Amino acid sequence: MLKQNERLEREKQEAIQRADTVVQNCKAEYEQKVRELDRQKNRAERMEQDAKVAMARQQALIRANAEAMSKAERSRLESQYKAKTAGYEGVMLGSLLYGTLCTLFAAARSETFISDFKAFFGVIWSFIRLCADKVFQVAKWAAQVGDMIPQPTVSAIVHWLIQIILVVGVAVGVGFLLFIGGEKLYSGYKEHFADQISLAELLISFAVVVFFAEPIREALPVNLLLLLLICHGACMGIRQYIKGWRRARGYY
């Protein structure tokens, strides 16, 4: 029995040692597999980072190439557009210059238009002279206040001083009003009517007035330049009415 107990004890110890050996081997194998898994995980993370960096580089390269191609294509299209625009503008300017010169030559040969041209500016000059004469008459009448002074020298100085002040004041005031009115008229015309439509309308009206001066004068006893200005003003009024009508209905 003692021998059997010793044998069983030895077998038990051997079994325990074998179990410890198996456990240690399993533990070592598990730790090795964990380390291998960590290595694989680290390698996968590095590969993922490298892939992200490579993808970002490729996207940046593609974007740079696309921008370069877009800029090149845009520059080419802009160059073509500018060339075509310059060509169209050259043709239009040449046609406009040709039509203007032909109209001016026809106007220079039209006796009716020349007479109306002289009469138009003659009336304006006569009106300016009339206004100037009225201003001088008013200045002379007002300068009589200086004649009431008993001293001749002072009287003459005051007389001429009153005339000069009145004439210069009226001239400056009228000039200032004309400047303000002209500036507002120019600004409004430039903002609303200075375009190709107004230019075409004005040239067409001018050509019609020049080439049909005699029939127009026979039908309408009106100055041709005044008629030209009236037509241009009527066209501007019609355009302004159309703009207001479209704005009221929400077209723009």
Protein backbone atom coordinates (compact mmCIF):
# COMPACT_ATOMS: atom_id res chain seq x y z
CA MET A 1 0.00 0.00 0.00
CA LEU A 2 2.85 2.34 0.83
CA LYS A 3 4.50 1.56 -2.48
CA GLN A 4 1.23 2.09 -4.29
CA ASN A 5 0.72 5.41 -2.51
CA GLU A 6 4.23 6.51 -3.45
CA ARG A 7 3.59 5.49 -7.03
CA LEU A 8 0.33 7.40 -7.10
CA GLU A 9 2.06 10.40 -5.54
CA ARG A 10 4.78 10.26 -8.19
CA GLU A 11 2.16 9.99 -10.94
CA LYS A 12 0.30 12.89 -9.38
CA GLN A 13 3.41 15.04 -9.30
CA GLU A 14 4.24 14.01 -12.86
CA ALA A 15 0.70 14.87 -13.94
CA ILE A 16 0.95 18.22 -12.18
CA GLN A 17 4.30 18.91 -13.86
CA ARG A 18 2.91 17.88 -17.22
CA ALA A 19 -0.10 20.14 -16.65
CA ASP A 20 2.16 23.03 -15.62
CA THR A 21 4.27 22.41 -18.71
CA VAL A 22 1.16 22.40 -20.92
CA VAL A 23 -0.11 25.57 -19.24
CA GLN A 24 3.23 27.31 -19.64
CA ASN A 25 3.45 26.19 -23.26
CA CYS A 26 -0.10 27.46 -23.90
CA LYS A 27 0.66 30.69 -22.10
CA ALA A 28 3.86 31.20 -24.07
CA GLU A 29 2.07 30.38 -27.32
CA TYR A 30 -0.74 32.79 -26.40
CA GLU A 31 1.70 35.56 -25.57
CA GLN A 32 3.52 34.95 -28.85
CA LYS A 33 0.24 35.11 -30.76
CA VAL A 34 -0.69 38.33 -28.89
CA ARG A 35 2.67 39.86 -29.79
CA GLU A 36 2.23 38.75 -33.40
CA LEU A 37 -1.26 40.22 -33.43
CA ASP A 38 0.07 43.51 -32.05
CA ARG A 39 2.75 43.54 -34.72
CA GLN A 40 0.18 42.90 -37.40
CA LYS A 41 -2.08 45.58 -35.94
CA ASN A 42 0.78 48.11 -35.86
CA ARG A 43 1.74 47.17 -39.41
CA ALA A 44 -1.88 47.56 -40.53
CA GLU A 45 -2.09 50.98 -38.85
CA ARG A 46 1.13 52.08 -40.53
CA MET A 47 -0.15 50.83 -43.87
CA GLU A 48 -3.41 52.70 -43.29
CA GLN A 49 -1.53 55.93 -42.48
CA ASP A 50 0.70 55.44 -45.51
CA ALA A 51 -2.39 54.87 -47.64
CA LYS A 52 -4.03 58.04 -46.28
CA VAL A 53 -0.87 60.06 -46.94
CA ALA A 54 -0.56 58.62 -50.44
CA MET A 55 -4.26 59.30 -51.11
CA ALA A 56 -3.91 62.89 -49.86
CA ARG A 57 -0.88 63.38 -52.12
CA GLN A 58 -2.72 61.93 -55.08
CA GLN A 59 -5.75 64.15 -54.42
CA ALA A 60 -3.54 67.22 -54.07
CA LEU A 61 -1.75 66.30 -57.29
CA ILE A 62 -5.04 65.71 -59.10
CA ARG A 63 -6.43 68.99 -57.78
CA ALA A 64 -3.30 70.89 -58.82
CA ASN A 65 -3.39 69.34 -62.30
CA ALA A 66 -7.10 70.08 -62.61
CA GLU A 67 -6.59 73.70 -61.54
CA ALA A 68 -3.68 74.08 -63.97
CA MET A 69 -5.74 72.61 -66.81
CA SER A 70 -8.72 74.78 -65.82
CA LYS A 71 -6.57 77.92 -65.75
CA ALA A 72 -5.00 77.07 -69.09
CA GLU A 73 -8.40 76.38 -70.64
CA ARG A 74 -9.85 79.53 -69.10
CA SER A 75 -6.94 81.60 -70.39
CA ARG A 76 -7.39 80.11 -73.84
CA LEU A 77 -11.12 80.78 -73.86
CA GLU A 78 -10.62 84.31 -72.50
CA SER A 79 -8.05 84.99 -75.21
CA GLN A 80 -10.44 83.73 -77.88
CA TYR A 81 -13.29 85.77 -76.38
CA LYS A 82 -11.17 88.93 -76.24
CA ALA A 83 -10.00 88.39 -79.81
CA LYS A 84 -13.57 87.89 -81.05
CA THR A 85 -14.81 90.84 -79.01
CA ALA A 86 -12.03 93.04 -80.38
CA GLY A 87 -12.90 91.92 -83.89
CA TYR A 88 -16.61 92.63 -83.44
CA GLU A 89 -15.87 95.99 -81.83
CA GLY A 90 -13.49 96.85 -84.67
CA VAL A 91 -16.12 95.99 -87.27
CA MET A 92 -18.79 97.90 -85.37
CA LEU A 93 -16.53 100.90 -84.86
CA GLY A 94 -15.55 100.89 -88.53
CA SER A 95 -19.18 100.69 -89.60
CA LEU A 96 -20.12 103.41 -87.13
CA LEU A 97 -17.32 105.65 -88.33
CA TYR A 98 -18.21 105.04 -91.96
CA GLY A 99 -21.88 105.80 -91.36
CA THR A 100 -21.04 108.90 -89.31
CA LEU A 101 -18.68 110.25 -91.96
CA CYS A 102 -21.18 109.61 -94.73
CA THR A 103 -23.89 111.34 -92.71
CA LEU A 104 -21.63 114.31 -91.94
CA PHE A 105 -20.65 114.67 -95.60
CA ALA A 106 -24.30 114.51 -96.59
CA ALA A 107 -25.11 117.09 -93.91
CA ALA A 108 -22.36 119.37 -95.21
CA ARG A 109 -23.88 119.19 -98.71
CA SER A 110 -27.46 119.74 -97.53
CA GLU A 111 -28.34 123.42 -97.75
CA THR A 112 -31.49 122.93 -95.67
CA PHE A 113 -29.62 121.25 -92.84
CA ILE A 114 -26.82 123.85 -92.94
CA SER A 115 -29.32 126.70 -92.78
CA ASP A 116 -31.17 125.07 -89.87
CA PHE A 117 -27.85 124.39 -88.13
CA LYS A 118 -26.88 128.05 -88.40
CA ALA A 119 -30.36 129.19 -87.38
CA PHE A 120 -30.38 126.90 -84.32
CA PHE A 121 -27.08 128.15 -82.93
CA GLY A 122 -27.91 131.68 -84.09
CA VAL A 123 -31.03 131.64 -81.94
CA ILE A 124 -29.00 130.36 -78.98
CA TRP A 125 -26.39 133.09 -79.51
CA SER A 126 -29.09 135.75 -79.86
CA PHE A 127 -30.69 134.57 -76.63
CA ILE A 128 -27.33 134.71 -74.84
CA ARG A 129 -26.69 138.23 -76.15
CA LEU A 130 -30.19 139.30 -75.15
CA CYS A 131 -29.69 137.98 -71.62
CA ALA A 132 -26.28 139.68 -71.45
CA ASP A 133 -27.77 142.99 -72.60
CA LYS A 134 -30.49 142.71 -69.98
CA VAL A 135 -27.89 142.00 -67.30
CA PHE A 136 -25.82 145.02 -68.40
CA GLN A 137 -28.90 147.22 -68.43
CA VAL A 138 -29.85 146.09 -64.91
CA ALA A 139 -26.24 146.64 -63.79
CA LYS A 140 -26.22 150.16 -65.28
CA TRP A 141 -29.54 150.93 -63.63
CA ALA A 142 -28.28 149.69 -60.27
CA ALA A 143 -24.99 151.57 -60.73
CA GLN A 144 -26.90 154.86 -60.73
CA VAL A 145 -26.82 154.60 -56.95
CA GLY A 146 -23.14 155.51 -57.14
CA ASP A 147 -23.92 158.62 -59.18
CA MET A 148 -25.72 160.06 -56.16
CA ILE A 149 -22.44 160.39 -54.28
CA PRO A 150 -21.25 164.03 -54.41
CA GLN A 151 -17.55 163.19 -54.79
CA PRO A 152 -16.78 162.41 -58.46
CA THR A 153 -13.95 159.92 -57.76
CA VAL A 154 -15.88 157.93 -55.21
CA SER A 155 -18.98 158.11 -57.37
CA ALA A 156 -17.14 156.65 -60.39
CA ILE A 157 -15.56 153.91 -58.29
CA VAL A 158 -18.89 152.92 -56.74
CA HIS A 159 -20.61 153.13 -60.13
CA TRP A 160 -18.22 150.72 -61.83
CA LEU A 161 -17.88 148.54 -58.74
CA ILE A 162 -21.64 147.99 -58.62
CA GLN A 163 -21.70 147.13 -62.33
CA ILE A 164 -18.80 144.70 -62.03
CA ILE A 165 -20.21 143.00 -58.94
CA LEU A 166 -23.64 142.55 -60.51
CA VAL A 167 -22.32 141.29 -63.85
CA VAL A 168 -19.78 138.95 -62.28
CA GLY A 169 -22.32 137.74 -59.71
CA VAL A 170 -24.93 136.97 -62.35
CA ALA A 171 -22.33 135.30 -64.58
CA VAL A 172 -21.03 133.17 -61.71
CA GLY A 173 -24.54 132.27 -60.55
CA VAL A 174 -25.71 131.33 -64.03
CA GLY A 175 -22.50 129.39 -64.66
CA PHE A 176 -22.88 127.54 -61.36
CA LEU A 177 -26.51 126.65 -62.11
CA LEU A 178 -25.59 125.50 -65.61
CA PHE A 179 -22.74 123.43 -64.19
CA ILE A 180 -24.96 121.75 -61.57
CA GLY A 181 -27.74 121.14 -64.08
CA GLY A 182 -25.33 119.86 -66.71
CA GLU A 183 -23.64 117.55 -64.22
CA LYS A 184 -26.95 116.08 -63.07
CA LEU A 185 -28.13 115.71 -66.65
CA TYR A 186 -24.86 114.06 -67.65
CA SER A 187 -24.92 111.69 -64.64
CA GLY A 188 -28.53 110.69 -65.27
CA TYR A 189 -27.96 110.20 -68.99
CA LYS A 190 -24.78 108.20 -68.37
CA GLU A 191 -26.49 105.97 -65.82
CA HIS A 192 -29.73 105.25 -67.71
CA PHE A 193 -29.29 106.02 -71.41
CA ALA A 194 -25.59 105.94 -72.35
CA ASP A 195 -25.65 102.66 -74.26
CA GLN A 196 -25.69 101.24 -77.77
CA ILE A 197 -29.45 101.68 -78.10
CA SER A 198 -29.26 105.43 -77.57
CA LEU A 199 -26.27 105.72 -79.88
CA ALA A 200 -27.98 103.74 -82.64
CA GLU A 201 -31.19 105.73 -82.24
CA LEU A 202 -29.33 109.04 -82.34
CA LEU A 203 -27.32 108.09 -85.44
CA ILE A 204 -30.38 106.75 -87.23
CA SER A 205 -32.37 109.88 -86.39
CA PHE A 206 -29.47 112.06 -87.51
CA ALA A 207 -29.16 110.15 -90.79
CA VAL A 208 -32.92 110.40 -91.43
CA VAL A 209 -32.93 114.14 -90.67
CA VAL A 210 -29.94 114.73 -92.96
CA PHE A 211 -30.97 112.58 -95.92
CA PHE A 212 -34.64 113.62 -95.81
CA ALA A 213 -34.12 117.24 -94.79
CA GLU A 214 -36.09 118.80 -97.65
CA PRO A 215 -39.19 116.53 -97.40
CA ILE A 216 -39.24 116.93 -93.62
CA ARG A 217 -39.08 120.72 -93.88
CA GLU A 218 -41.85 120.69 -96.44
CA ALA A 219 -44.06 118.60 -94.14
CA LEU A 220 -43.05 120.13 -90.78
CA PRO A 221 -41.92 123.76 -90.47
CA VAL A 222 -39.54 122.98 -87.62
CA ASN A 223 -35.80 123.31 -87.20
CA LEU A 224 -34.06 120.03 -88.04
CA LEU A 225 -31.69 120.10 -85.03
CA LEU A 226 -34.61 120.85 -82.76
CA LEU A 227 -36.50 117.96 -84.34
CA LEU A 228 -33.49 115.70 -83.74
CA LEU A 229 -33.38 116.68 -80.06
CA ILE A 230 -37.14 116.18 -79.74
CA CYS A 231 -36.90 112.68 -81.25
CA HIS A 232 -34.03 111.75 -78.92
CA GLY A 233 -35.92 113.08 -75.90
CA ALA A 234 -39.05 111.17 -76.92
CA CYS A 235 -37.05 107.95 -77.23
CA MET A 236 -35.55 108.49 -73.77
CA GLY A 237 -39.03 109.08 -72.36
CA ILE A 238 -40.35 105.90 -73.97
CA ARG A 239 -37.41 103.88 -72.62
CA GLN A 240 -37.90 105.29 -69.14
CA TYR A 241 -41.62 104.45 -69.27
CA ILE A 242 -40.84 100.87 -70.38
CA LYS A 243 -38.30 100.47 -67.57
CA GLY A 244 -40.83 101.68 -65.01
CA TRP A 245 -43.51 99.40 -66.44
CA ARG A 246 -41.22 96.35 -66.30
CA ARG A 247 -40.03 97.25 -62.78
CA ALA A 248 -43.63 97.61 -61.58
CA ARG A 249 -44.43 94.10 -62.83
CA GLY A 250 -41.32 92.56 -61.29
CA TYR A 251 -39.45 91.68 -64.47
CA TYR A 252 -36.21 93.09 -62.94
